[in-house]
Amino acid sequence: MSRVCELTGKGPMTGNNVSHANNKSRRRFLPNLNEVTLLSETLGRGYSLRISAAALRSVDHRGGLDAFLAKAKDVELSDRALKIKREIAKKSADAASA
């Protein structure tokens, strides 16, 4: 399982461990990923996603999964999140035309 946020694309970064004697060795900074279930109001069901804590705050700030995906760039989203975004857009278009 990759250590990449499904909504923001945030992944591991690299840097140095620096000792008291100023010795440097390489290390990885991993994103704070959590397995959460987010509800889509348009589709009326929940989706289990592995997202970062920062992405979870962004979803809450924007007003839910539907609003977040509407504003999100397709490049940053995972394949699963893109599929959800397309389903929401299709359902919204069907509701608007009816």
PDB file of N, CA and C in Angstrom:
ATOM      1  N   MET A   1       0.840  -1.172   0.000  1.00  0.00           N
ATOM      2  CA  MET A   1       0.000   0.000   0.000  1.00  0.00           C
ATOM      3  C   MET A   1       0.892   1.244   0.000  1.00  0.00           C
ATOM      4  N   SER A   2       0.685   2.131  -0.969  1.00  0.00           N
ATOM      5  CA  SER A   2       1.549   3.302  -1.073  1.00  0.00           C
ATOM      6  C   SER A   2       1.212   4.334   0.001  1.00  0.00           C
ATOM      7  N   ARG A   3       2.206   5.108   0.364  1.00  0.00           N
ATOM      8  CA  ARG A   3       2.023   6.110   1.418  1.00  0.00           C
ATOM      9  C   ARG A   3       1.744   7.465   0.784  1.00  0.00           C
ATOM     10  N   VAL A   4       0.638   7.534   0.024  1.00  0.00           N
ATOM     11  CA  VAL A   4       0.245   8.753  -0.671  1.00  0.00           C
ATOM     12  C   VAL A   4      -1.213   9.036  -0.351  1.00  0.00           C
ATOM     13  N   CYS A   5      -1.513  10.293  -0.041  1.00  0.00           N
ATOM     14  CA  CYS A   5      -2.884  10.705   0.240  1.00  0.00           C
ATOM     15  C   CYS A   5      -3.703  10.619  -1.049  1.00  0.00           C
ATOM     16  N   GLU A   6      -4.904  10.030  -0.971  1.00  0.00           N
ATOM     17  CA  GLU A   6      -5.731   9.839  -2.152  1.00  0.00           C
ATOM     18  C   GLU A   6      -6.390  11.123  -2.638  1.00  0.00           C
ATOM     19  N   LEU A   7      -6.480  12.136  -1.788  1.00  0.00           N
ATOM     20  CA  LEU A   7      -7.133  13.377  -2.185  1.00  0.00           C
ATOM     21  C   LEU A   7      -6.167  14.500  -2.544  1.00  0.00           C
ATOM     22  N   THR A   8      -5.047  14.588  -1.852  1.00  0.00           N
ATOM     23  CA  THR A   8      -4.120  15.697  -2.100  1.00  0.00           C
ATOM     24  C   THR A   8      -2.849  15.276  -2.820  1.00  0.00           C
ATOM     25  N   GLY A   9      -2.565  13.976  -2.870  1.00  0.00           N
ATOM     26  CA  GLY A   9      -1.340  13.509  -3.511  1.00  0.00           C
ATOM     27  C   GLY A   9      -0.104  13.688  -2.645  1.00  0.00           C
ATOM     28  N   LYS A  10      -0.295  14.061  -1.385  1.00  0.00           N
ATOM     29  CA  LYS A  10       0.833  14.271  -0.480  1.00  0.00           C
ATOM     30  C   LYS A  10       1.514  12.941  -0.203  1.00  0.00           C
ATOM     31  N   GLY A  11       2.845  12.894  -0.363  1.00  0.00           N
ATOM     32  CA  GLY A  11       3.600  11.663  -0.178  1.00  0.00           C
ATOM     33  C   GLY A  11       4.811  11.874   0.710  1.00  0.00           C
ATOM     34  N   PRO A  12       5.674  10.857   0.805  1.00  0.00           N
ATOM     35  CA  PRO A  12       6.858  10.962   1.651  1.00  0.00           C
ATOM     36  C   PRO A  12       7.843  12.021   1.134  1.00  0.00           C
ATOM     37  N   MET A  13       8.518  12.670   2.085  1.00  0.00           N
ATOM     38  CA  MET A  13       9.592  13.608   1.758  1.00  0.00           C
ATOM     39  C   MET A  13      10.877  13.060   2.369  1.00  0.00           C
ATOM     40  N   THR A  14      12.004  13.539   1.889  1.00  0.00           N
ATOM     41  CA  THR A  14      13.278  13.087   2.440  1.00  0.00           C
ATOM     42  C   THR A  14      13.998  14.251   3.103  1.00  0.00           C
ATOM     43  N   GLY A  15      14.867  13.897   4.050  1.00  0.00           N
ATOM     44  CA  GLY A  15      15.648  14.908   4.759  1.00  0.00           C
ATOM     45  C   GLY A  15      16.770  14.232   5.517  1.00  0.00           C
ATOM     46  N   ASN A  16      17.270  14.906   6.523  1.00  0.00           N
ATOM     47  CA  ASN A  16      18.384  14.394   7.296  1.00  0.00           C
ATOM     48  C   ASN A  16      18.032  14.269   8.770  1.00  0.00           C
ATOM     49  N   ASN A  17      18.534  13.192   9.408  1.00  0.00           N
ATOM     50  CA  ASN A  17      18.625  13.138  10.856  1.00  0.00           C
ATOM     51  C   ASN A  17      19.925  13.857  11.206  1.00  0.00           C
ATOM     52  N   VAL A  18      19.865  14.810  12.109  1.00  0.00           N
ATOM     53  CA  VAL A  18      21.066  15.549  12.485  1.00  0.00           C
ATOM     54  C   VAL A  18      21.338  15.292  13.957  1.00  0.00           C
ATOM     55  N   SER A  19      22.500  14.705  14.256  1.00  0.00           N
ATOM     56  CA  SER A  19      22.859  14.377  15.631  1.00  0.00           C
ATOM     57  C   SER A  19      23.393  15.611  16.350  1.00  0.00           C
ATOM     58  N   HIS A  20      23.597  15.454  17.648  1.00  0.00           N
ATOM     59  CA  HIS A  20      24.158  16.544  18.445  1.00  0.00           C
ATOM     60  C   HIS A  20      25.552  16.926  17.946  1.00  0.00           C
ATOM     61  N   ALA A  21      26.266  15.953  17.394  1.00  0.00           N
ATOM     62  CA  ALA A  21      27.599  16.196  16.849  1.00  0.00           C
ATOM     63  C   ALA A  21      27.533  16.671  15.397  1.00  0.00           C
ATOM     64  N   ASN A  22      26.326  16.969  14.920  1.00  0.00           N
ATOM     65  CA  ASN A  22      26.066  17.475  13.566  1.00  0.00           C
ATOM     66  C   ASN A  22      26.370  16.447  12.478  1.00  0.00           C
ATOM     67  N   ASN A  23      26.306  15.136  12.847  1.00  0.00           N
ATOM     68  CA  ASN A  23      26.402  14.091  11.831  1.00  0.00           C
ATOM     69  C   ASN A  23      25.054  13.989  11.136  1.00  0.00           C
ATOM     70  N   LYS A  24      25.084  13.786   9.826  1.00  0.00           N
ATOM     71  CA  LYS A  24      23.836  13.736   9.063  1.00  0.00           C
ATOM     72  C   LYS A  24      23.652  12.362   8.427  1.00  0.00           C
ATOM     73  N   SER A  25      22.441  11.821   8.553  1.00  0.00           N
ATOM     74  CA  SER A  25      22.087  10.578   7.878  1.00  0.00           C
ATOM     75  C   SER A  25      20.686  10.758   7.291  1.00  0.00           C
ATOM     76  N   ARG A  26      20.439  10.116   6.164  1.00  0.00           N
ATOM     77  CA  ARG A  26      19.169  10.316   5.451  1.00  0.00           C
ATOM     78  C   ARG A  26      17.996   9.687   6.202  1.00  0.00           C
ATOM     79  N   ARG A  27      16.827  10.301   6.051  1.00  0.00           N
ATOM     80  CA  ARG A  27      15.605   9.785   6.656  1.00  0.00           C
ATOM     81  C   ARG A  27      14.435  10.170   5.782  1.00  0.00           C
ATOM     82  N   ARG A  28      13.262   9.597   6.108  1.00  0.00           N
ATOM     83  CA  ARG A  28      12.031   9.919   5.372  1.00  0.00           C
ATOM     84  C   ARG A  28      11.012  10.531   6.317  1.00  0.00           C
ATOM     85  N   PHE A  29      10.324  11.540   5.834  1.00  0.00           N
ATOM     86  CA  PHE A  29       9.203  12.138   6.555  1.00  0.00           C
ATOM     87  C   PHE A  29       7.936  11.617   5.903  1.00  0.00           C
ATOM     88  N   LEU A  30       7.157  10.794   6.625  1.00  0.00           N
ATOM     89  CA  LEU A  30       5.955  10.190   6.062  1.00  0.00           C
ATOM     90  C   LEU A  30       4.728  11.041   6.380  1.00  0.00           C
ATOM     91  N   PRO A  31       3.772  11.108   5.460  1.00  0.00           N
ATOM     92  CA  PRO A  31       2.549  11.867   5.742  1.00  0.00           C
ATOM     93  C   PRO A  31       1.699  11.159   6.784  1.00  0.00           C
ATOM     94  N   ASN A  32       0.899  11.925   7.506  1.00  0.00           N
ATOM     95  CA  ASN A  32       0.031  11.392   8.557  1.00  0.00           C
ATOM     96  C   ASN A  32      -1.245  10.865   7.899  1.00  0.00           C
ATOM     97  N   LEU A  33      -1.212   9.606   7.435  1.00  0.00           N
ATOM     98  CA  LEU A  33      -2.346   9.028   6.721  1.00  0.00           C
ATOM     99  C   LEU A  33      -3.299   8.318   7.669  1.00  0.00           C
ATOM    100  N   ASN A  34      -4.592   8.484   7.402  1.00  0.00           N
ATOM    101  CA  ASN A  34      -5.632   7.847   8.198  1.00  0.00           C
ATOM    102  C   ASN A  34      -6.657   7.218   7.271  1.00  0.00           C
ATOM    103  N   GLU A  35      -7.175   6.069   7.671  1.00  0.00           N
ATOM    104  CA  GLU A  35      -8.244   5.389   6.936  1.00  0.00           C
ATOM    105  C   GLU A  35      -9.570   5.929   7.451  1.00  0.00           C
ATOM    106  N   VAL A  36     -10.283   6.686   6.620  1.00  0.00           N
ATOM    107  CA  VAL A  36     -11.546   7.296   7.039  1.00  0.00           C
ATOM    108  C   VAL A  36     -12.638   6.971   6.030  1.00  0.00           C
ATOM    109  N   THR A  37     -13.880   7.024   6.478  1.00  0.00           N
ATOM    110  CA  THR A  37     -15.035   6.858   5.604  1.00  0.00           C
ATOM    111  C   THR A  37     -15.717   8.208   5.479  1.00  0.00           C
ATOM    112  N   LEU A  38     -15.742   8.738   4.269  1.00  0.00           N
ATOM    113  CA  LEU A  38     -16.371  10.029   4.005  1.00  0.00           C
ATOM    114  C   LEU A  38     -17.683   9.807   3.279  1.00  0.00           C
ATOM    115  N   LEU A  39     -18.709  10.560   3.666  1.00  0.00           N
ATOM    116  CA  LEU A  39     -20.030  10.409   3.076  1.00  0.00           C
ATOM    117  C   LEU A  39     -20.217  11.399   1.943  1.00  0.00           C
ATOM    118  N   SER A  40     -20.761  10.893   0.836  1.00  0.00           N
ATOM    119  CA  SER A  40     -21.125  11.738  -0.293  1.00  0.00           C
ATOM    120  C   SER A  40     -22.618  12.028  -0.197  1.00  0.00           C
ATOM    121  N   GLU A  41     -22.965  13.315  -0.070  1.00  0.00           N
ATOM    122  CA  GLU A  41     -24.379  13.690   0.051  1.00  0.00           C
ATOM    123  C   GLU A  41     -25.113  13.469  -1.270  1.00  0.00           C
ATOM    124  N   THR A  42     -24.444  13.704  -2.382  1.00  0.00           N
ATOM    125  CA  THR A  42     -25.072  13.542  -3.694  1.00  0.00           C
ATOM    126  C   THR A  42     -25.391  12.080  -3.979  1.00  0.00           C
ATOM    127  N   LEU A  43     -24.429  11.204  -3.702  1.00  0.00           N
ATOM    128  CA  LEU A  43     -24.604   9.784  -4.004  1.00  0.00           C
ATOM    129  C   LEU A  43     -25.280   9.030  -2.860  1.00  0.00           C
ATOM    130  N   GLY A  44     -25.270   9.593  -1.666  1.00  0.00           N
ATOM    131  CA  GLY A  44     -25.927   8.968  -0.530  1.00  0.00           C
ATOM    132  C   GLY A  44     -25.242   7.724  -0.004  1.00  0.00           C
ATOM    133  N   ARG A  45     -23.931   7.682  -0.097  1.00  0.00           N
ATOM    134  CA  ARG A  45     -23.191   6.538   0.442  1.00  0.00           C
ATOM    135  C   ARG A  45     -21.814   6.980   0.914  1.00  0.00           C
ATOM    136  N   GLY A  46     -21.152   6.099   1.664  1.00  0.00           N
ATOM    137  CA  GLY A  46     -19.836   6.393   2.198  1.00  0.00           C
ATOM    138  C   GLY A  46     -18.731   5.762   1.377  1.00  0.00           C
ATOM    139  N   TYR A  47     -17.578   6.415   1.366  1.00  0.00           N
ATOM    140  CA  TYR A  47     -16.405   5.906   0.663  1.00  0.00           C
ATOM    141  C   TYR A  47     -15.236   5.851   1.628  1.00  0.00           C
ATOM    142  N   SER A  48     -14.566   4.714   1.679  1.00  0.00           N
ATOM    143  CA  SER A  48     -13.406   4.533   2.531  1.00  0.00           C
ATOM    144  C   SER A  48     -12.170   4.990   1.766  1.00  0.00           C
ATOM    145  N   LEU A  49     -11.478   5.998   2.311  1.00  0.00           N
ATOM    146  CA  LEU A  49     -10.298   6.557   1.658  1.00  0.00           C
ATOM    147  C   LEU A  49      -9.149   6.638   2.654  1.00  0.00           C
ATOM    148  N   ARG A  50      -7.928   6.588   2.137  1.00  0.00           N
ATOM    149  CA  ARG A  50      -6.728   6.742   2.963  1.00  0.00           C
ATOM    150  C   ARG A  50      -6.183   8.141   2.695  1.00  0.00           C
ATOM    151  N   ILE A  51      -6.473   9.067   3.605  1.00  0.00           N
ATOM    152  CA  ILE A  51      -6.115  10.461   3.367  1.00  0.00           C
ATOM    153  C   ILE A  51      -5.303  11.013   4.530  1.00  0.00           C
ATOM    154  N   SER A  52      -4.620  12.121   4.282  1.00  0.00           N
ATOM    155  CA  SER A  52      -3.821  12.755   5.322  1.00  0.00           C
ATOM    156  C   SER A  52      -4.723  13.548   6.257  1.00  0.00           C
ATOM    157  N   ALA A  53      -4.204  13.835   7.444  1.00  0.00           N
ATOM    158  CA  ALA A  53      -4.959  14.616   8.420  1.00  0.00           C
ATOM    159  C   ALA A  53      -5.238  16.010   7.878  1.00  0.00           C
ATOM    160  N   ALA A  54      -4.299  16.582   7.132  1.00  0.00           N
ATOM    161  CA  ALA A  54      -4.495  17.908   6.535  1.00  0.00           C
ATOM    162  C   ALA A  54      -5.623  17.873   5.507  1.00  0.00           C
ATOM    163  N   ALA A  55      -5.713  16.793   4.729  1.00  0.00           N
ATOM    164  CA  ALA A  55      -6.780  16.659   3.740  1.00  0.00           C
ATOM    165  C   ALA A  55      -8.134  16.524   4.430  1.00  0.00           C
ATOM    166  N   LEU A  56      -8.174  15.839   5.547  1.00  0.00           N
ATOM    167  CA  LEU A  56      -9.426  15.689   6.293  1.00  0.00           C
ATOM    168  C   LEU A  56      -9.928  17.044   6.786  1.00  0.00           C
ATOM    169  N   ARG A  57      -9.005  17.893   7.268  1.00  0.00           N
ATOM    170  CA  ARG A  57      -9.381  19.246   7.681  1.00  0.00           C
ATOM    171  C   ARG A  57      -9.871  20.057   6.479  1.00  0.00           C
ATOM    172  N   SER A  58      -9.237  19.882   5.325  1.00  0.00           N
ATOM    173  CA  SER A  58      -9.652  20.603   4.115  1.00  0.00           C
ATOM    174  C   SER A  58     -11.039  20.177   3.665  1.00  0.00           C
ATOM    175  N   VAL A  59     -11.332  18.876   3.765  1.00  0.00           N
ATOM    176  CA  VAL A  59     -12.659  18.374   3.395  1.00  0.00           C
ATOM    177  C   VAL A  59     -13.710  18.999   4.305  1.00  0.00           C
ATOM    178  N   ASP A  60     -13.446  19.051   5.601  1.00  0.00           N
ATOM    179  CA  ASP A  60     -14.381  19.666   6.542  1.00  0.00           C
ATOM    180  C   ASP A  60     -14.547  21.153   6.255  1.00  0.00           C
ATOM    181  N   HIS A  61     -13.451  21.829   5.943  1.00  0.00           N
ATOM    182  CA  HIS A  61     -13.481  23.267   5.697  1.00  0.00           C
ATOM    183  C   HIS A  61     -14.293  23.615   4.440  1.00  0.00           C
ATOM    184  N   ARG A  62     -14.163  22.802   3.417  1.00  0.00           N
ATOM    185  CA  ARG A  62     -14.866  23.069   2.157  1.00  0.00           C
ATOM    186  C   ARG A  62     -16.327  22.618   2.180  1.00  0.00           C
ATOM    187  N   GLY A  63     -16.725  21.884   3.188  1.00  0.00           N
ATOM    188  CA  GLY A  63     -18.131  21.523   3.298  1.00  0.00           C
ATOM    189  C   GLY A  63     -18.468  20.118   2.872  1.00  0.00           C
ATOM    190  N   GLY A  64     -17.523  19.206   2.943  1.00  0.00           N
ATOM    191  CA  GLY A  64     -17.799  17.807   2.648  1.00  0.00           C
ATOM    192  C   GLY A  64     -17.042  17.292   1.438  1.00  0.00           C
ATOM    193  N   LEU A  65     -17.188  15.996   1.213  1.00  0.00           N
ATOM    194  CA  LEU A  65     -16.458  15.327   0.136  1.00  0.00           C
ATOM    195  C   LEU A  65     -16.856  15.858  -1.239  1.00  0.00           C
ATOM    196  N   ASP A  66     -18.145  16.078  -1.460  1.00  0.00           N
ATOM    197  CA  ASP A  66     -18.615  16.537  -2.767  1.00  0.00           C
ATOM    198  C   ASP A  66     -18.004  17.890  -3.138  1.00  0.00           C
ATOM    199  N   ALA A  67     -18.018  18.831  -2.201  1.00  0.00           N
ATOM    200  CA  ALA A  67     -17.475  20.164  -2.461  1.00  0.00           C
ATOM    201  C   ALA A  67     -15.959  20.109  -2.649  1.00  0.00           C
ATOM    202  N   PHE A  68     -15.286  19.256  -1.866  1.00  0.00           N
ATOM    203  CA  PHE A  68     -13.835  19.149  -1.990  1.00  0.00           C
ATOM    204  C   PHE A  68     -13.455  18.616  -3.370  1.00  0.00           C
ATOM    205  N   LEU A  69     -14.123  17.541  -3.807  1.00  0.00           N
ATOM    206  CA  LEU A  69     -13.790  16.943  -5.098  1.00  0.00           C
ATOM    207  C   LEU A  69     -14.136  17.872  -6.255  1.00  0.00           C
ATOM    208  N   ALA A  70     -15.172  18.696  -6.106  1.00  0.00           N
ATOM    209  CA  ALA A  70     -15.541  19.625  -7.178  1.00  0.00           C
ATOM    210  C   ALA A  70     -14.430  20.637  -7.434  1.00  0.00           C
ATOM    211  N   LYS A  71     -13.735  21.067  -6.371  1.00  0.00           N
ATOM    212  CA  LYS A  71     -12.677  22.063  -6.514  1.00  0.00           C
ATOM    213  C   LYS A  71     -11.296  21.456  -6.735  1.00  0.00           C
ATOM    214  N   ALA A  72     -11.140  20.156  -6.465  1.00  0.00           N
ATOM    215  CA  ALA A  72      -9.819  19.511  -6.520  1.00  0.00           C
ATOM    216  C   ALA A  72      -9.339  19.349  -7.958  1.00  0.00           C
ATOM    217  N   LYS A  73      -8.016  19.432  -8.132  1.00  0.00           N
ATOM    218  CA  LYS A  73      -7.401  19.211  -9.441  1.00  0.00           C
ATOM    219  C   LYS A  73      -7.318  17.713  -9.697  1.00  0.00           C
ATOM    220  N   ASP A  74      -7.614  17.310 -10.929  1.00  0.00           N
ATOM    221  CA  ASP A  74      -7.609  15.887 -11.278  1.00  0.00           C
ATOM    222  C   ASP A  74      -6.222  15.269 -11.155  1.00  0.00           C
ATOM    223  N   VAL A  75      -5.170  16.060 -11.322  1.00  0.00           N
ATOM    224  CA  VAL A  75      -3.794  15.549 -11.271  1.00  0.00           C
ATOM    225  C   VAL A  75      -3.457  15.036  -9.875  1.00  0.00           C
ATOM    226  N   GLU A  76      -3.981  15.695  -8.837  1.00  0.00           N
ATOM    227  CA  GLU A  76      -3.648  15.321  -7.457  1.00  0.00           C
ATOM    228  C   GLU A  76      -4.442  14.123  -6.961  1.00  0.00           C
ATOM    229  N   LEU A  77      -5.600  13.861  -7.554  1.00  0.00           N
ATOM    230  CA  LEU A  77      -6.486  12.807  -7.062  1.00  0.00           C
ATOM    231  C   LEU A  77      -6.027  11.423  -7.503  1.00  0.00           C
ATOM    232  N   SER A  78      -6.304  10.415  -6.672  1.00  0.00           N
ATOM    233  CA  SER A  78      -6.021   9.030  -7.039  1.00  0.00           C
ATOM    234  C   SER A  78      -7.082   8.550  -8.022  1.00  0.00           C
ATOM    235  N   ASP A  79      -6.886   7.375  -8.582  1.00  0.00           N
ATOM    236  CA  ASP A  79      -7.845   6.818  -9.536  1.00  0.00           C
ATOM    237  C   ASP A  79      -9.215   6.618  -8.886  1.00  0.00           C
ATOM    238  N   ARG A  80      -9.227   6.132  -7.641  1.00  0.00           N
ATOM    239  CA  ARG A  80     -10.493   5.914  -6.935  1.00  0.00           C
ATOM    240  C   ARG A  80     -11.219   7.235  -6.698  1.00  0.00           C
ATOM    241  N   ALA A  81     -10.460   8.268  -6.290  1.00  0.00           N
ATOM    242  CA  ALA A  81     -11.071   9.568  -6.031  1.00  0.00           C
ATOM    243  C   ALA A  81     -11.592  10.194  -7.327  1.00  0.00           C
ATOM    244  N   LEU A  82     -10.882  10.000  -8.437  1.00  0.00           N
ATOM    245  CA  LEU A  82     -11.348  10.501  -9.731  1.00  0.00           C
ATOM    246  C   LEU A  82     -12.653   9.834 -10.136  1.00  0.00           C
ATOM    247  N   LYS A  83     -12.753   8.544  -9.876  1.00  0.00           N
ATOM    248  CA  LYS A  83     -13.981   7.814 -10.205  1.00  0.00           C
ATOM    249  C   LYS A  83     -15.157   8.352  -9.392  1.00  0.00           C
ATOM    250  N   ILE A  84     -14.926   8.615  -8.102  1.00  0.00           N
ATOM    251  CA  ILE A  84     -15.964   9.174  -7.244  1.00  0.00           C
ATOM    252  C   ILE A  84     -16.362  10.554  -7.750  1.00  0.00           C
ATOM    253  N   LYS A  85     -15.375  11.363  -8.144  1.00  0.00           N
ATOM    254  CA  LYS A  85     -15.642  12.712  -8.643  1.00  0.00           C
ATOM    255  C   LYS A  85     -16.510  12.660  -9.896  1.00  0.00           C
ATOM    256  N   ARG A  86     -16.213  11.729 -10.798  1.00  0.00           N
ATOM    257  CA  ARG A  86     -17.011  11.594 -12.027  1.00  0.00           C
ATOM    258  C   ARG A  86     -18.434  11.149 -11.720  1.00  0.00           C
ATOM    259  N   GLU A  87     -18.600  10.224 -10.770  1.00  0.00           N
ATOM    260  CA  GLU A  87     -19.943   9.768 -10.387  1.00  0.00           C
ATOM    261  C   GLU A  87     -20.760  10.916  -9.811  1.00  0.00           C
ATOM    262  N   ILE A  88     -20.135  11.738  -8.976  1.00  0.00           N
ATOM    263  CA  ILE A  88     -20.829  12.876  -8.372  1.00  0.00           C
ATOM    264  C   ILE A  88     -21.227  13.883  -9.450  1.00  0.00           C
ATOM    265  N   ALA A  89     -20.311  14.165 -10.382  1.00  0.00           N
ATOM    266  CA  ALA A  89     -20.609  15.113 -11.457  1.00  0.00           C
ATOM    267  C   ALA A  89     -21.747  14.606 -12.335  1.00  0.00           C
ATOM    268  N   LYS A  90     -21.737  13.315 -12.628  1.00  0.00           N
ATOM    269  CA  LYS A  90     -22.791  12.724 -13.468  1.00  0.00           C
ATOM    270  C   LYS A  90     -24.145  12.804 -12.771  1.00  0.00           C
ATOM    271  N   LYS A  91     -24.184  12.458 -11.481  1.00  0.00           N
ATOM    272  CA  LYS A  91     -25.428  12.498 -10.732  1.00  0.00           C
ATOM    273  C   LYS A  91     -25.954  13.931 -10.602  1.00  0.00           C
ATOM    274  N   SER A  92     -25.046  14.900 -10.413  1.00  0.00           N
ATOM    275  CA  SER A  92     -25.445  16.293 -10.312  1.00  0.00           C
ATOM    276  C   SER A  92     -26.000  16.808 -11.630  1.00  0.00           C
ATOM    277  N   ALA A  93     -25.363  16.392 -12.739  1.00  0.00           N
ATOM    278  CA  ALA A  93     -25.843  16.813 -14.068  1.00  0.00           C
ATOM    279  C   ALA A  93     -27.219  16.206 -14.356  1.00  0.00           C
ATOM    280  N   ASP A  94     -27.426  14.957 -13.963  1.00  0.00           N
ATOM    281  CA  ASP A  94     -28.725  14.312 -14.170  1.00  0.00           C
ATOM    282  C   ASP A  94     -29.820  14.997 -13.343  1.00  0.00           C
ATOM    283  N   ALA A  95     -29.469  15.371 -12.112  1.00  0.00           N
ATOM    284  CA  ALA A  95     -30.440  16.033 -11.241  1.00  0.00           C
ATOM    285  C   ALA A  95     -30.776  17.447 -11.754  1.00  0.00           C
ATOM    286  N   ALA A  96     -29.774  18.120 -12.311  1.00  0.00           N
ATOM    287  CA  ALA A  96     -29.995  19.485 -12.805  1.00  0.00           C
ATOM    288  C   ALA A  96     -30.859  19.468 -14.085  1.00  0.00           C
ATOM    289  N   SER A  97     -30.678  18.451 -14.932  1.00  0.00           N
ATOM    290  CA  SER A  97     -31.444  18.385 -16.188  1.00  0.00           C
ATOM    291  C   SER A  97     -32.863  17.899 -15.964  1.00  0.00           C
ATOM    292  N   ALA A  98     -33.105  17.193 -14.881  1.00  0.00           N
ATOM    293  CA  ALA A  98     -34.445  16.633 -14.620  1.00  0.00           C
ATOM    294  C   ALA A  98     -35.407  17.640 -14.052  1.00  0.00           C
TER     295      ALA A  98
END
